[in-house]
Amino acid sequence: MSLQVLVLDGEQRSALAAVRSLGRAGLAVGVASSHPRPLAAASKHCVASFCYTDPAVSPDGFISSLGRHVAMLGDPVVMPMTDLTSTVIVDAADAFGQARIAVPSASSFKALSTKSELAKIAKQLSIPTPTTVEVTGSEDIATALRTVRPPYVVKPALSKFWHAGKLVSESVRYLETELELRALVDSSSWTSSVPLLVQEQIQGSGRGIFAIYDHGRPLGWFAHQRLRERPPTGGVSVLSESVEPDAL
């Protein structure tokens, strides 16, 4: 079988949206997932569905199983739809032969997906960012307390990462006191390898801006305004509406 596009993370709603859009454009689209019956495979535009090893359990097994499917499918464009699959694939793009992988270079991906690095880039470009302090141990807490006013917005520099052989996924937390901050740092064994970011809280509505680029050339822009987030104080958007992007 020959496919033009293989959409990964088929259990995600974003994958379903991608399959519908690509299918309406007349492309032959397949779906792959670690779930046996992924949501996106239910679309009438999905012509084939495949199962790969869960990357959260075995990154190497994921690359190996996905690589076999890609080779059999005629080297389609592969579209990872989550941070996890993108993180694993970006370091193993050479494992897929002639297939084109819809991810940026490893250096670009890591610079943009690492929140502390992204904040530094934004500052260099004079883009306003919350006051941020990197904490890798208890000795950095004093700096954070001097620099940031409570409530403290606390998050790891990476949304998902491996530590001691396990996938770690930490949510955003809001802390009020020095005692809470010290307790969190002391209980987080991974801070020596992945910094904990302590930021000031910014009041206001949440908005997101998205862009698709071709080697530095912008092809399209999209924006949304968040109506609900989890947690309600600020975090992952669970209900949004599209809005016009601000003029450049």
Protein backbone atom coordinates (compact mmCIF):
# COMPACT_ATOMS: atom_id res chain seq x y z
CA MET A 1 0.00 0.00 0.00
CA SER A 2 1.21 3.50 -0.79
CA LEU A 3 0.24 6.44 1.43
CA GLN A 4 1.00 10.10 0.92
CA VAL A 5 0.74 11.07 4.60
CA LEU A 6 0.90 9.06 7.84
CA VAL A 7 -0.53 10.93 10.84
CA LEU A 8 0.78 9.75 14.21
CA ASP A 9 -0.84 9.98 17.65
CA GLY A 10 -4.16 8.92 16.17
CA GLU A 11 -5.80 8.95 19.61
CA GLN A 12 -5.57 12.75 19.70
CA ARG A 13 -8.26 15.16 18.48
CA SER A 14 -5.55 17.12 16.68
CA ALA A 15 -4.78 13.99 14.65
CA LEU A 16 -8.45 13.67 13.68
CA ALA A 17 -8.49 17.29 12.52
CA ALA A 18 -5.34 16.72 10.46
CA VAL A 19 -6.73 13.58 8.82
CA ARG A 20 -9.96 15.36 7.89
CA SER A 21 -8.13 18.36 6.43
CA LEU A 22 -5.62 16.29 4.46
CA GLY A 23 -8.31 13.91 3.23
CA ARG A 24 -10.49 16.77 2.00
CA ALA A 25 -7.45 18.01 0.07
CA GLY A 26 -7.43 14.72 -1.81
CA LEU A 27 -4.45 13.05 -0.13
CA ALA A 28 -4.25 9.37 0.80
CA VAL A 29 -3.96 9.50 4.61
CA GLY A 30 -3.15 6.78 7.11
CA VAL A 31 -3.24 6.84 10.91
CA ALA A 32 -0.81 5.31 13.38
CA SER A 33 -1.09 5.12 17.14
CA SER A 34 -0.09 3.10 20.18
CA HIS A 35 -3.83 2.61 20.78
CA PRO A 36 -5.52 -0.30 18.96
CA ARG A 37 -8.60 1.76 17.98
CA PRO A 38 -7.52 5.41 17.65
CA LEU A 39 -10.02 8.23 17.24
CA ALA A 40 -8.58 9.56 13.97
CA ALA A 41 -8.87 6.15 12.30
CA ALA A 42 -12.67 6.48 12.50
CA SER A 43 -12.58 9.30 9.93
CA LYS A 44 -13.88 8.45 6.46
CA HIS A 45 -10.68 10.01 5.13
CA CYS A 46 -8.46 7.42 6.84
CA VAL A 47 -7.56 4.69 4.36
CA ALA A 48 -5.38 2.59 6.68
CA SER A 49 -4.54 2.32 10.38
CA PHE A 50 -1.46 0.92 12.10
CA CYS A 51 -0.30 0.31 15.66
CA TYR A 52 3.20 1.12 16.93
CA THR A 53 5.02 0.55 20.23
CA ASP A 54 4.11 3.12 22.86
CA PRO A 55 6.95 5.70 22.87
CA ALA A 56 6.32 6.40 26.55
CA VAL A 57 7.20 2.76 27.29
CA SER A 58 9.99 2.15 24.77
CA PRO A 59 11.31 4.99 22.56
CA ASP A 60 13.57 2.56 20.69
CA GLY A 61 10.69 0.14 20.15
CA PHE A 62 8.56 3.00 18.85
CA ILE A 63 11.18 4.04 16.27
CA SER A 64 11.70 0.44 15.18
CA SER A 65 8.01 -0.42 14.77
CA LEU A 66 7.16 2.88 13.09
CA GLY A 67 10.12 2.53 10.73
CA ARG A 68 8.84 -0.85 9.50
CA HIS A 69 5.40 0.60 8.74
CA VAL A 70 6.84 3.64 6.97
CA ALA A 71 9.06 1.49 4.72
CA MET A 72 6.09 -0.72 3.75
CA LEU A 73 3.89 2.29 2.99
CA GLY A 74 6.07 3.80 0.29
CA ASP A 75 7.84 6.40 2.46
CA PRO A 76 4.97 8.84 3.12
CA VAL A 77 5.25 12.19 4.87
CA VAL A 78 5.14 11.40 8.61
CA MET A 79 3.34 13.88 10.87
CA PRO A 80 3.86 13.50 14.65
CA MET A 81 1.10 15.32 16.53
CA THR A 82 2.36 15.44 20.13
CA ASP A 83 5.41 16.59 22.07
CA LEU A 84 6.25 13.00 22.94
CA THR A 85 6.41 11.52 19.44
CA SER A 86 8.10 14.66 18.11
CA THR A 87 10.75 14.50 20.85
CA VAL A 88 11.56 10.88 20.05
CA ILE A 89 11.50 11.24 16.26
CA VAL A 90 13.56 14.42 16.01
CA ASP A 91 16.65 12.57 17.23
CA ALA A 92 16.04 9.58 14.93
CA ALA A 93 14.89 11.11 11.64
CA ASP A 94 17.62 9.19 9.75
CA ALA A 95 15.94 5.91 10.71
CA PHE A 96 13.11 6.46 8.21
CA GLY A 97 14.97 6.29 4.92
CA GLN A 98 13.47 8.47 2.20
CA ALA A 99 10.37 9.37 4.20
CA ARG A 100 9.95 13.04 5.02
CA ILE A 101 9.36 13.74 8.70
CA ALA A 102 7.33 16.87 9.50
CA VAL A 103 9.61 18.10 12.26
CA PRO A 104 12.27 20.83 12.32
CA SER A 105 15.94 20.17 12.89
CA ALA A 106 16.87 18.70 16.27
CA SER A 107 18.58 21.92 17.36
CA SER A 108 15.60 24.11 16.42
CA PHE A 109 13.12 21.75 18.04
CA LYS A 110 15.02 21.60 21.31
CA ALA A 111 15.51 25.37 21.42
CA LEU A 112 11.77 25.99 21.01
CA SER A 113 10.46 23.13 23.15
CA THR A 114 12.73 23.93 26.10
CA LYS A 115 10.85 26.70 27.88
CA SER A 116 13.95 28.26 29.45
CA GLU A 117 15.71 28.48 26.07
CA LEU A 118 12.58 29.88 24.44
CA ALA A 119 12.38 32.61 27.09
CA LYS A 120 16.00 33.55 26.34
CA ILE A 121 15.30 33.75 22.60
CA ALA A 122 12.21 35.90 23.24
CA LYS A 123 14.25 38.27 25.39
CA GLN A 124 16.88 38.60 22.65
CA LEU A 125 14.08 39.56 20.24
CA SER A 126 12.63 42.09 22.73
CA ILE A 127 9.45 40.03 23.16
CA PRO A 128 8.01 40.58 26.67
CA THR A 129 8.18 37.48 28.88
CA PRO A 130 7.37 36.75 32.53
CA THR A 131 10.24 37.14 34.98
CA THR A 132 11.79 33.66 35.10
CA VAL A 133 14.38 32.00 37.33
CA GLU A 134 15.84 28.54 36.66
CA VAL A 135 16.04 26.33 39.74
CA THR A 136 18.20 23.21 39.69
CA GLY A 137 18.54 22.83 43.44
CA SER A 138 17.80 24.38 46.82
CA GLU A 139 20.63 26.93 46.41
CA ASP A 140 18.69 28.62 43.56
CA ILE A 141 15.57 29.17 45.65
CA ALA A 142 16.95 32.30 47.30
CA THR A 143 17.44 33.87 43.87
CA ALA A 144 13.89 32.95 42.87
CA LEU A 145 12.47 34.45 46.07
CA ARG A 146 14.37 37.70 45.56
CA THR A 147 13.37 37.99 41.91
CA VAL A 148 9.79 36.73 41.65
CA ARG A 149 6.78 37.80 43.69
CA PRO A 150 4.17 35.25 44.80
CA PRO A 151 2.09 33.54 43.66
CA TYR A 152 4.84 31.59 41.94
CA VAL A 153 4.12 29.83 38.65
CA VAL A 154 6.25 26.68 38.71
CA LYS A 155 6.87 24.28 35.81
CA PRO A 156 9.69 22.12 34.41
CA ALA A 157 11.68 23.47 31.47
CA LEU A 158 10.37 20.54 29.38
CA SER A 159 6.76 19.37 29.28
CA LYS A 160 7.83 15.71 29.02
CA PHE A 161 11.25 14.18 29.59
CA TRP A 162 12.96 10.96 30.59
CA HIS A 163 14.55 10.65 34.01
CA ALA A 164 15.93 7.47 35.56
CA GLY A 165 14.43 5.46 32.72
CA LYS A 166 10.91 6.82 33.17
CA LEU A 167 8.87 9.39 31.30
CA VAL A 168 8.15 12.37 33.52
CA SER A 169 5.20 14.66 32.83
CA GLU A 170 4.68 17.49 35.31
CA SER A 171 1.83 20.01 35.25
CA VAL A 172 2.01 23.72 36.02
CA ARG A 173 1.73 24.52 39.74
CA TYR A 174 0.90 27.70 41.61
CA LEU A 175 2.64 28.17 44.96
CA GLU A 176 2.20 30.89 47.54
CA THR A 177 5.02 30.39 50.03
CA GLU A 178 8.75 29.73 50.27
CA LEU A 179 7.97 26.56 52.22
CA GLU A 180 5.89 25.16 49.34
CA LEU A 181 8.60 26.01 46.84
CA ARG A 182 11.35 24.36 48.87
CA ALA A 183 9.21 21.25 49.40
CA LEU A 184 8.60 20.92 45.67
CA VAL A 185 12.28 21.28 44.79
CA ASP A 186 13.30 18.78 47.48
CA SER A 187 10.74 16.23 46.24
CA SER A 188 11.67 16.60 42.55
CA SER A 189 14.71 14.40 41.93
CA TRP A 190 15.00 15.48 38.29
CA THR A 191 15.82 19.18 38.81
CA SER A 192 19.56 18.55 38.48
CA SER A 193 19.08 17.55 34.81
CA VAL A 194 15.91 19.48 33.84
CA PRO A 195 15.55 22.91 35.46
CA LEU A 196 12.44 23.92 37.33
CA LEU A 197 11.22 27.33 36.21
CA VAL A 198 9.82 29.78 38.74
CA GLN A 199 7.91 32.58 37.03
CA GLU A 200 5.75 35.55 37.92
CA GLN A 201 2.03 35.18 37.32
CA ILE A 202 0.63 37.35 34.53
CA GLN A 203 -3.05 38.26 34.78
CA GLY A 204 -5.18 38.40 31.66
CA SER A 205 -6.73 36.20 28.99
CA GLY A 206 -4.77 33.36 27.46
CA ARG A 207 -4.09 33.32 23.75
CA GLY A 208 -2.04 31.11 21.48
CA ILE A 209 -0.35 31.80 18.17
CA PHE A 210 0.58 29.06 15.72
CA ALA A 211 2.52 29.12 12.46
CA ILE A 212 3.68 26.73 9.80
CA TYR A 213 7.10 27.39 8.29
CA ASP A 214 9.04 25.98 5.37
CA HIS A 215 12.75 26.39 6.20
CA GLY A 216 12.22 29.80 7.77
CA ARG A 217 9.53 30.97 5.34
CA PRO A 218 6.11 31.44 6.97
CA LEU A 219 3.27 29.72 5.11
CA GLY A 220 0.33 30.34 7.41
CA TRP A 221 -0.77 31.72 10.77
CA PHE A 222 -3.52 30.77 13.22
CA ALA A 223 -4.51 32.08 16.64
CA HIS A 224 -6.91 31.08 19.40
CA GLN A 225 -8.26 32.56 22.59
CA ARG A 226 -8.61 30.27 25.57
CA LEU A 227 -12.05 30.04 27.14
CA ARG A 228 -11.23 27.34 29.69
CA GLU A 229 -7.97 25.98 31.01
CA ARG A 230 -6.88 23.13 33.28
CA PRO A 231 -6.27 24.17 36.01
CA PRO A 232 -8.61 27.19 35.78
CA THR A 233 -5.84 29.44 37.13
CA GLY A 234 -3.86 28.76 33.93
CA GLY A 235 -2.52 25.69 32.18
CA VAL A 236 -3.55 23.45 29.30
CA SER A 237 -6.38 24.85 27.18
CA VAL A 238 -9.46 22.60 27.12
CA LEU A 239 -11.85 24.95 25.28
CA SER A 240 -10.76 27.64 22.82
CA GLU A 241 -12.09 29.65 19.92
CA SER A 242 -10.22 30.79 16.84
CA VAL A 243 -9.43 34.50 16.52
CA GLU A 244 -7.70 36.65 13.95
CA PRO A 245 -3.95 36.91 14.60
CA ASP A 246 -2.68 40.38 15.41
CA ALA A 247 -1.23 42.25 12.47
CA LEU A 248 2.50 41.70 12.05
